[in-house]
Amino acid sequence: SKVLFPYCNSETDETGIALYDRTAGTVKSIFSRPLEGGNCADEMPSAMWYGDGTRILVLSEASRSKTRKNHKTKKVETVTTTWERLQLLPFGVKGKTRTFDIRDFLAGASSILLPLAEADGKLYLGRRDKGAFVQVDLKSGKKKFRDLGDDREPLFYDRNGGVAYARDGAEDSNDLEVGALDTKDLTLHSHFLLKKEALVTYGVKGFIGFLAFEPHGSRLALPAERDEDPKGLILMCDDRGLQQVITPDVPAKAYEFGSLEWSADGKTLYSTVVTPTEDKKVQQFSLGEIPVAGGPVRLTPMVRARVSYDDAHLHLELSLSPDGSAIAATTAYFEKDEIAPADRGLFLVDLRDPRRKVTRIQYPPAKSGTENGTE
């Protein structure tokens, strides 16, 4: 009944997390901060519901500046340090915000991938551009770091009560290794390696976007792009590796898949579908409903934006409501000149409506929240 979504208002130089109440039809900011560098994607906080819905987890960048004297130049200079900050905000109940600072990581580590992988009250974050990760115990505040000894950043996913991971292959960064994390000793156990050279026969140029794991099932889906062909593919795998390459029947001459979500029954994949328009600099973003067993893909247009077709697939991530009634997407990752102000906001697609009604919810008024997330 309630949706959390990040927003970035470059007109008012504010970024934050908003809460939309589907029943009341209201939207408000629960966390906000000034947009300092002017780049929405680089400064975007992220949020997810945690536990039974009485807590909200916010992942953002924290920083501190201080002046010091440079002994070589004899001049006073300002040094800014940044780090990851996790905050656990109470929602609908009394309590204080809990803060977990992760100073050993580069700011922005894995913050684009939500929800964060969680198991037994512990969260897992991979360090950006490095083979390392951290386990954060949200009860005790204790953190455990693990350095994997290379530059292959692991991305973690919830998978049926456990934690799965994906990272580059050891010998070729174009390959993809998928496996499971042992949450007790923090070791990675590889299940399979998708080698790009082995997919040449399917015309696969590369992997794009994030993996999507089937709820209560053994399959995972991954979007891919073709070599010298403007139509995207879906790679279907299980723990043994690639099982099927799906060529969805999309009613368009060119298309690319982005964010994927499984339906609860495993029969449908919901995907961001990007298609070019008459203006090559403008792309159409739609919700695609892909029948896993085959058949026509239904497209529901959501928004248009002035972005490069090659980079468009990461701009509009999808989230399926727990009851399967709606798909949510936010335009927060579009920059000021990429999308019209009238098109900014949270988009909800009603999956129970035969016409697939699309509703746009505007960002909350500027500076309606506070930096620490309390009201």
Protein backbone atom coordinates (compact mmCIF):
# COMPACT_ATOMS: atom_id res chain seq x y z
CA SER A 1 0.00 0.00 0.00
CA LYS A 2 3.02 2.30 0.29
CA VAL A 3 5.89 2.91 -2.13
CA LEU A 4 9.37 4.24 -1.38
CA PHE A 5 11.16 5.89 -4.27
CA PRO A 6 14.26 8.06 -4.78
CA TYR A 7 13.88 11.43 -6.41
CA CYS A 8 16.22 14.07 -7.73
CA ASN A 9 14.96 17.57 -8.39
CA SER A 10 17.73 19.39 -10.22
CA GLU A 11 15.53 22.50 -10.49
CA THR A 12 15.56 22.86 -6.68
CA ASP A 13 18.96 21.16 -6.17
CA GLU A 14 17.52 18.52 -3.86
CA THR A 15 17.71 14.74 -3.81
CA GLY A 16 15.98 12.39 -1.43
CA ILE A 17 13.57 9.54 -0.67
CA ALA A 18 9.81 9.96 -0.96
CA LEU A 19 6.94 7.90 0.39
CA TYR A 20 3.77 7.48 -1.68
CA ASP A 21 0.67 6.23 0.10
CA ARG A 22 -1.44 4.46 -2.55
CA THR A 23 -4.54 4.46 -0.35
CA ALA A 24 -4.47 8.10 0.70
CA GLY A 25 -2.96 9.35 -2.55
CA THR A 26 -0.37 11.43 -0.69
CA VAL A 27 3.35 11.82 -1.25
CA LYS A 28 5.95 13.23 1.15
CA SER A 29 9.70 13.33 1.57
CA ILE A 30 11.14 11.24 4.41
CA PHE A 31 14.80 11.95 3.64
CA SER A 32 16.39 14.81 1.72
CA ARG A 33 19.71 16.50 1.18
CA PRO A 34 21.14 19.21 -1.08
CA LEU A 35 22.30 18.21 -4.54
CA GLU A 36 25.92 19.30 -4.32
CA GLY A 37 27.59 18.20 -7.55
CA GLY A 38 24.61 18.65 -9.81
CA ASN A 39 24.62 15.04 -11.05
CA CYS A 40 21.51 13.15 -9.94
CA ALA A 41 22.80 9.63 -10.61
CA ASP A 42 26.02 10.17 -8.66
CA GLU A 43 24.33 11.55 -5.54
CA MET A 44 21.14 9.49 -5.43
CA PRO A 45 20.18 7.93 -2.09
CA SER A 46 18.36 4.60 -2.18
CA ALA A 47 15.79 3.04 0.11
CA MET A 48 14.02 -0.23 0.83
CA TRP A 49 11.50 -1.57 3.29
CA TYR A 50 13.11 -3.69 5.98
CA GLY A 51 11.52 -6.37 8.13
CA ASP A 52 7.80 -6.05 8.83
CA GLY A 53 7.35 -2.58 7.32
CA THR A 54 8.05 -0.63 10.51
CA ARG A 55 11.55 0.26 9.37
CA ILE A 56 13.03 1.88 6.28
CA LEU A 57 16.63 1.37 5.23
CA VAL A 58 18.29 4.32 3.47
CA LEU A 59 21.66 4.07 1.73
CA SER A 60 23.38 7.35 0.95
CA GLU A 61 26.70 9.12 0.73
CA ALA A 62 28.05 10.97 3.75
CA SER A 63 30.92 13.45 3.74
CA ARG A 64 32.97 15.68 6.00
CA SER A 65 35.25 18.55 5.08
CA LYS A 66 38.07 19.94 7.18
CA THR A 67 40.92 22.35 6.64
CA ARG A 68 44.56 21.49 7.16
CA LYS A 69 47.92 22.99 6.37
CA ASN A 70 49.88 21.43 3.53
CA HIS A 71 53.43 21.18 4.86
CA LYS A 72 54.90 21.15 1.35
CA THR A 73 53.08 24.18 -0.05
CA LYS A 74 52.60 25.89 3.35
CA LYS A 75 49.02 26.62 2.27
CA VAL A 76 45.77 25.84 4.05
CA GLU A 77 43.60 23.45 2.02
CA THR A 78 40.20 21.81 2.39
CA VAL A 79 40.04 18.01 2.37
CA THR A 80 36.71 16.22 1.89
CA THR A 81 36.21 12.60 2.92
CA THR A 82 33.21 10.58 1.71
CA TRP A 83 31.84 7.22 2.77
CA GLU A 84 28.75 4.99 2.66
CA ARG A 85 26.04 5.56 5.25
CA LEU A 86 23.24 3.14 6.10
CA GLN A 87 20.35 4.49 8.17
CA LEU A 88 17.49 2.48 9.67
CA LEU A 89 14.48 4.78 10.08
CA PRO A 90 11.45 3.87 12.22
CA PHE A 91 8.15 4.07 10.35
CA GLY A 92 4.76 4.22 12.05
CA VAL A 93 6.29 3.36 15.42
CA LYS A 94 8.30 5.21 18.03
CA GLY A 95 12.04 4.85 17.87
CA LYS A 96 15.30 6.47 16.91
CA THR A 97 17.14 6.40 13.59
CA ARG A 98 20.10 4.02 13.69
CA THR A 99 23.17 4.94 11.63
CA PHE A 100 25.85 2.61 10.28
CA ASP A 101 28.86 4.29 8.66
CA ILE A 102 30.97 2.18 6.30
CA ARG A 103 34.18 4.13 5.99
CA ASP A 104 36.32 1.46 4.32
CA PHE A 105 34.28 1.67 1.13
CA LEU A 106 34.21 4.09 -1.76
CA ALA A 107 31.10 6.24 -1.67
CA GLY A 108 28.40 4.94 -3.96
CA ALA A 109 29.33 1.26 -3.53
CA SER A 110 26.58 -0.89 -5.04
CA SER A 111 24.01 1.77 -4.21
CA ILE A 112 22.36 1.37 -7.63
CA LEU A 113 21.29 -2.18 -6.81
CA LEU A 114 18.27 -2.41 -4.55
CA PRO A 115 16.91 -4.09 -2.61
CA LEU A 116 20.17 -4.92 -0.90
CA ALA A 117 20.74 -8.62 -0.25
CA GLU A 118 19.72 -9.54 3.30
CA ALA A 119 19.81 -12.75 5.33
CA ASP A 120 19.24 -13.26 9.06
CA GLY A 121 19.30 -9.55 9.85
CA LYS A 122 22.54 -8.90 7.96
CA LEU A 123 23.06 -6.87 4.79
CA TYR A 124 25.70 -7.43 2.12
CA LEU A 125 27.29 -4.72 -0.01
CA GLY A 126 29.98 -5.13 -2.63
CA ARG A 127 32.65 -2.48 -2.93
CA ARG A 128 32.63 -0.52 -6.15
CA ASP A 129 35.43 -1.43 -8.60
CA LYS A 130 37.09 -3.85 -6.20
CA GLY A 131 36.74 -7.49 -5.15
CA ALA A 132 35.63 -6.78 -1.61
CA PHE A 133 32.42 -6.66 0.35
CA VAL A 134 31.01 -5.97 3.80
CA GLN A 135 28.48 -7.74 6.00
CA VAL A 136 26.51 -5.34 8.22
CA ASP A 137 24.65 -6.71 11.24
CA LEU A 138 21.67 -4.38 11.68
CA LYS A 139 21.08 -5.55 15.24
CA SER A 140 24.54 -5.19 16.73
CA GLY A 141 26.03 -2.74 14.25
CA LYS A 142 29.01 -5.06 13.77
CA LYS A 143 30.67 -5.03 10.35
CA LYS A 144 32.77 -7.76 8.74
CA PHE A 145 34.90 -6.95 5.71
CA ARG A 146 36.13 -9.49 3.19
CA ASP A 147 38.81 -8.72 0.59
CA LEU A 148 38.71 -11.18 -2.31
CA GLY A 149 42.14 -10.14 -3.55
CA ASP A 150 41.20 -8.89 -7.01
CA ASP A 151 39.19 -6.18 -8.77
CA ARG A 152 36.08 -8.24 -9.51
CA GLU A 153 33.29 -6.47 -7.66
CA PRO A 154 30.57 -8.86 -6.47
CA LEU A 155 26.94 -7.78 -6.68
CA PHE A 156 24.66 -9.53 -4.20
CA TYR A 157 21.05 -10.65 -4.58
CA ASP A 158 18.39 -12.12 -2.32
CA ARG A 159 17.64 -15.66 -3.45
CA ASN A 160 15.00 -17.71 -1.64
CA GLY A 161 16.31 -16.91 1.84
CA GLY A 162 19.97 -17.03 0.83
CA VAL A 163 22.40 -14.68 -0.89
CA ALA A 164 23.53 -15.08 -4.50
CA TYR A 165 26.26 -13.11 -6.24
CA ALA A 166 27.44 -12.19 -9.74
CA ARG A 167 30.81 -10.82 -10.82
CA ASP A 168 33.19 -10.72 -13.80
CA GLY A 169 34.95 -13.90 -14.86
CA ALA A 170 38.49 -14.45 -13.58
CA GLU A 171 40.13 -14.53 -17.01
CA ASP A 172 37.85 -12.23 -18.99
CA SER A 173 35.82 -9.30 -17.67
CA ASN A 174 33.28 -9.97 -20.43
CA ASP A 175 32.42 -13.31 -18.82
CA LEU A 176 29.98 -13.60 -15.94
CA GLU A 177 30.40 -15.76 -12.83
CA VAL A 178 27.30 -16.58 -10.78
CA GLY A 179 27.25 -18.36 -7.44
CA ALA A 180 26.22 -18.31 -3.79
CA LEU A 181 27.65 -16.62 -0.69
CA ASP A 182 28.19 -18.67 2.44
CA THR A 183 26.90 -16.19 5.01
CA LYS A 184 28.72 -17.95 7.87
CA ASP A 185 32.31 -17.91 6.65
CA LEU A 186 31.81 -15.25 3.90
CA THR A 187 33.20 -17.43 1.11
CA LEU A 188 31.96 -17.36 -2.48
CA HIS A 189 30.99 -20.61 -4.19
CA SER A 190 30.74 -20.45 -7.97
CA HIS A 191 27.84 -22.25 -9.66
CA PHE A 192 28.63 -21.51 -13.29
CA LEU A 193 30.49 -19.20 -15.67
CA LEU A 194 28.81 -17.64 -18.66
CA LYS A 195 31.57 -17.29 -21.23
CA LYS A 196 30.94 -14.67 -23.85
CA GLU A 197 32.81 -16.61 -26.54
CA ALA A 198 30.48 -19.58 -26.01
CA LEU A 199 27.47 -17.36 -26.74
CA VAL A 200 28.71 -16.21 -30.15
CA THR A 201 26.44 -18.73 -31.87
CA TYR A 202 23.46 -16.91 -30.33
CA GLY A 203 24.77 -13.57 -31.52
CA VAL A 204 25.23 -12.29 -27.97
CA LYS A 205 27.35 -9.14 -27.81
CA GLY A 206 27.30 -8.72 -24.03
CA PHE A 207 25.32 -8.82 -20.82
CA ILE A 208 23.42 -5.75 -19.67
CA GLY A 209 21.54 -4.84 -16.52
CA PHE A 210 21.11 -7.01 -13.45
CA LEU A 211 20.10 -10.60 -12.84
CA ALA A 212 16.55 -11.48 -11.79
CA PHE A 213 16.00 -14.61 -9.68
CA GLU A 214 12.74 -16.53 -9.91
CA PRO A 215 10.76 -16.38 -6.64
CA HIS A 216 10.59 -19.85 -5.06
CA GLY A 217 12.23 -21.31 -8.16
CA SER A 218 15.62 -22.28 -9.57
CA ARG A 219 15.79 -20.04 -12.64
CA LEU A 220 17.45 -16.70 -13.20
CA ALA A 221 17.04 -14.32 -16.12
CA LEU A 222 19.55 -11.89 -17.57
CA PRO A 223 19.08 -9.35 -20.39
CA ALA A 224 21.62 -9.38 -23.19
CA GLU A 225 22.29 -7.47 -26.39
CA ARG A 226 22.98 -8.93 -29.82
CA ASP A 227 25.95 -8.32 -32.04
CA GLU A 228 24.96 -6.30 -35.13
CA ASP A 229 21.26 -6.69 -34.36
CA PRO A 230 19.04 -4.05 -32.71
CA LYS A 231 16.86 -6.60 -30.89
CA GLY A 232 17.58 -7.71 -27.33
CA LEU A 233 17.66 -11.19 -25.85
CA ILE A 234 16.90 -12.82 -22.48
CA LEU A 235 19.28 -15.48 -21.17
CA MET A 236 17.59 -18.08 -18.97
CA CYS A 237 19.85 -20.00 -16.58
CA ASP A 238 19.78 -22.28 -13.55
CA ASP A 239 22.60 -23.37 -11.24
CA ARG A 240 24.09 -25.51 -14.03
CA GLY A 241 24.40 -22.56 -16.38
CA LEU A 242 22.66 -21.40 -19.55
CA GLN A 243 19.50 -23.36 -20.36
CA GLN A 244 17.75 -21.22 -22.96
CA VAL A 245 18.09 -18.07 -25.02
CA ILE A 246 14.74 -16.31 -25.38
CA THR A 247 14.02 -14.04 -28.31
CA PRO A 248 10.90 -12.20 -27.14
CA ASP A 249 8.25 -11.26 -29.69
CA VAL A 250 8.36 -7.49 -29.22
CA PRO A 251 6.27 -5.36 -31.62
CA ALA A 252 9.17 -3.07 -32.57
CA LYS A 253 11.99 -3.04 -35.12
CA ALA A 254 14.59 -2.28 -32.44
CA TYR A 255 14.46 -2.76 -28.69
CA GLU A 256 16.64 -3.25 -25.64
CA PHE A 257 15.74 -4.80 -22.29
CA GLY A 258 16.66 -3.28 -18.94
CA SER A 259 15.47 -4.04 -15.43
CA LEU A 260 13.73 -7.44 -15.01
CA GLU A 261 11.15 -8.67 -12.48
CA TRP A 262 9.56 -12.13 -12.25
CA SER A 263 5.87 -12.67 -11.67
CA ALA A 264 5.10 -14.78 -8.59
CA ASP A 265 3.96 -17.74 -10.72
CA GLY A 266 7.12 -17.69 -12.85
CA LYS A 267 5.15 -17.39 -16.10
CA THR A 268 5.94 -13.76 -16.91
CA LEU A 269 8.99 -11.52 -16.92
CA TYR A 270 8.34 -7.81 -16.54
CA SER A 271 11.01 -5.67 -18.16
CA THR A 272 11.90 -2.12 -19.01
CA VAL A 273 11.84 -2.04 -22.81
CA VAL A 274 13.66 0.79 -24.60
CA THR A 275 12.71 1.54 -28.21
CA PRO A 276 14.00 4.36 -30.46
CA THR A 277 11.62 7.08 -31.65
CA GLU A 278 11.56 9.14 -34.86
CA ASP A 279 14.06 11.43 -33.13
CA LYS A 280 17.13 9.19 -32.70
CA LYS A 281 18.17 11.14 -29.60
CA VAL A 282 14.88 10.37 -27.84
CA GLN A 283 14.00 6.90 -26.51
CA GLN A 284 10.65 5.46 -25.51
CA PHE A 285 10.56 3.63 -22.15
CA SER A 286 7.81 1.04 -21.78
CA LEU A 287 6.84 -1.79 -19.50
CA GLY A 288 7.14 -5.09 -21.31
CA GLU A 289 5.28 -8.21 -20.21
CA ILE A 290 7.25 -11.17 -21.57
CA PRO A 291 5.61 -14.62 -21.53
CA VAL A 292 8.39 -17.03 -20.53
CA ALA A 293 6.81 -19.85 -22.56
CA GLY A 294 6.64 -17.66 -25.67
CA GLY A 295 4.11 -15.35 -27.27
CA PRO A 296 3.64 -11.67 -28.05
CA VAL A 297 5.14 -9.15 -25.61
CA ARG A 298 2.71 -6.54 -24.34
CA LEU A 299 4.13 -3.01 -24.22
CA THR A 300 2.77 -0.25 -21.97
CA PRO A 301 4.39 3.14 -22.74
CA MET A 302 5.53 5.06 -19.67
CA VAL A 303 7.82 7.96 -20.55
CA ARG A 304 10.17 9.38 -23.21
CA ALA A 305 13.62 10.79 -22.52
CA ARG A 306 16.49 12.37 -24.43
CA VAL A 307 19.22 9.80 -23.73
CA SER A 308 21.59 7.64 -25.73
CA TYR A 309 20.05 4.34 -26.83
CA ASP A 310 23.20 2.46 -25.81
CA ASP A 311 23.03 3.73 -22.21
CA ALA A 312 19.27 3.83 -21.75
CA HIS A 313 18.70 0.41 -20.18
CA LEU A 314 19.89 1.44 -16.68
CA HIS A 315 17.80 4.59 -16.40
CA LEU A 316 14.42 3.14 -15.42
CA GLU A 317 14.48 0.30 -12.88
CA LEU A 318 11.31 -1.64 -12.11
CA SER A 319 9.89 -2.94 -8.83
CA LEU A 320 6.93 -5.32 -8.54
CA SER A 321 4.57 -4.93 -5.57
CA PRO A 322 4.46 -7.95 -3.22
CA ASP A 323 0.86 -8.72 -4.19
CA GLY A 324 1.68 -8.53 -7.90
CA SER A 325 -0.84 -5.75 -8.53
CA ALA A 326 1.47 -2.97 -9.71
CA ILE A 327 4.84 -2.13 -11.22
CA ALA A 328 6.69 0.95 -9.97
CA ALA A 329 9.44 2.93 -11.69
CA THR A 330 11.06 6.28 -10.94
CA THR A 331 12.62 8.82 -13.31
CA ALA A 332 15.13 9.86 -10.63
CA TYR A 333 18.15 8.70 -12.64
CA PHE A 334 17.44 11.02 -15.56
CA GLU A 335 19.38 14.27 -15.60
CA LYS A 336 17.81 17.72 -15.90
CA ASP A 337 18.19 18.01 -19.67
CA GLU A 338 17.11 14.43 -20.40
CA ILE A 339 13.48 14.55 -19.36
CA ALA A 340 10.75 17.19 -19.23
CA PRO A 341 9.76 18.45 -15.73
CA ALA A 342 6.17 17.35 -16.43
CA ASP A 343 7.40 13.77 -16.90
CA ARG A 344 9.36 13.51 -13.66
CA GLY A 345 8.12 11.40 -10.79
CA LEU A 346 7.03 7.93 -9.77
CA PHE A 347 5.22 5.85 -12.38
CA LEU A 348 2.80 3.11 -11.34
CA VAL A 349 1.36 0.61 -13.83
CA ASP A 350 -1.82 -1.13 -12.66
CA LEU A 351 -1.40 -4.79 -13.68
CA ARG A 352 -4.97 -5.64 -12.66
CA ASP A 353 -6.38 -3.13 -15.11
CA PRO A 354 -6.92 -4.72 -18.56
CA ARG A 355 -5.89 -1.38 -20.07
CA ARG A 356 -2.77 -1.16 -17.84
CA LYS A 357 -3.49 2.30 -16.50
CA VAL A 358 -0.33 4.34 -15.87
CA THR A 359 -0.32 6.88 -13.04
CA ARG A 360 2.40 9.49 -12.51
CA ILE A 361 3.02 10.75 -8.99
CA GLN A 362 4.88 14.06 -8.78
CA TYR A 363 7.90 14.55 -6.57
CA PRO A 364 7.21 15.95 -3.09
CA PRO A 365 7.56 19.71 -2.51
CA ALA A 366 11.14 20.90 -2.16
CA LYS A 367 12.86 20.68 1.23
CA SER A 368 9.94 18.89 2.89
CA GLY A 369 12.17 16.32 4.60
CA THR A 370 15.39 16.48 6.58
CA GLU A 371 18.88 15.18 6.16
CA ASN A 372 18.73 12.60 8.93
CA GLY A 373 15.39 11.17 7.83
CA THR A 374 13.33 12.25 10.86
CA GLU A 375 10.29 14.48 10.61
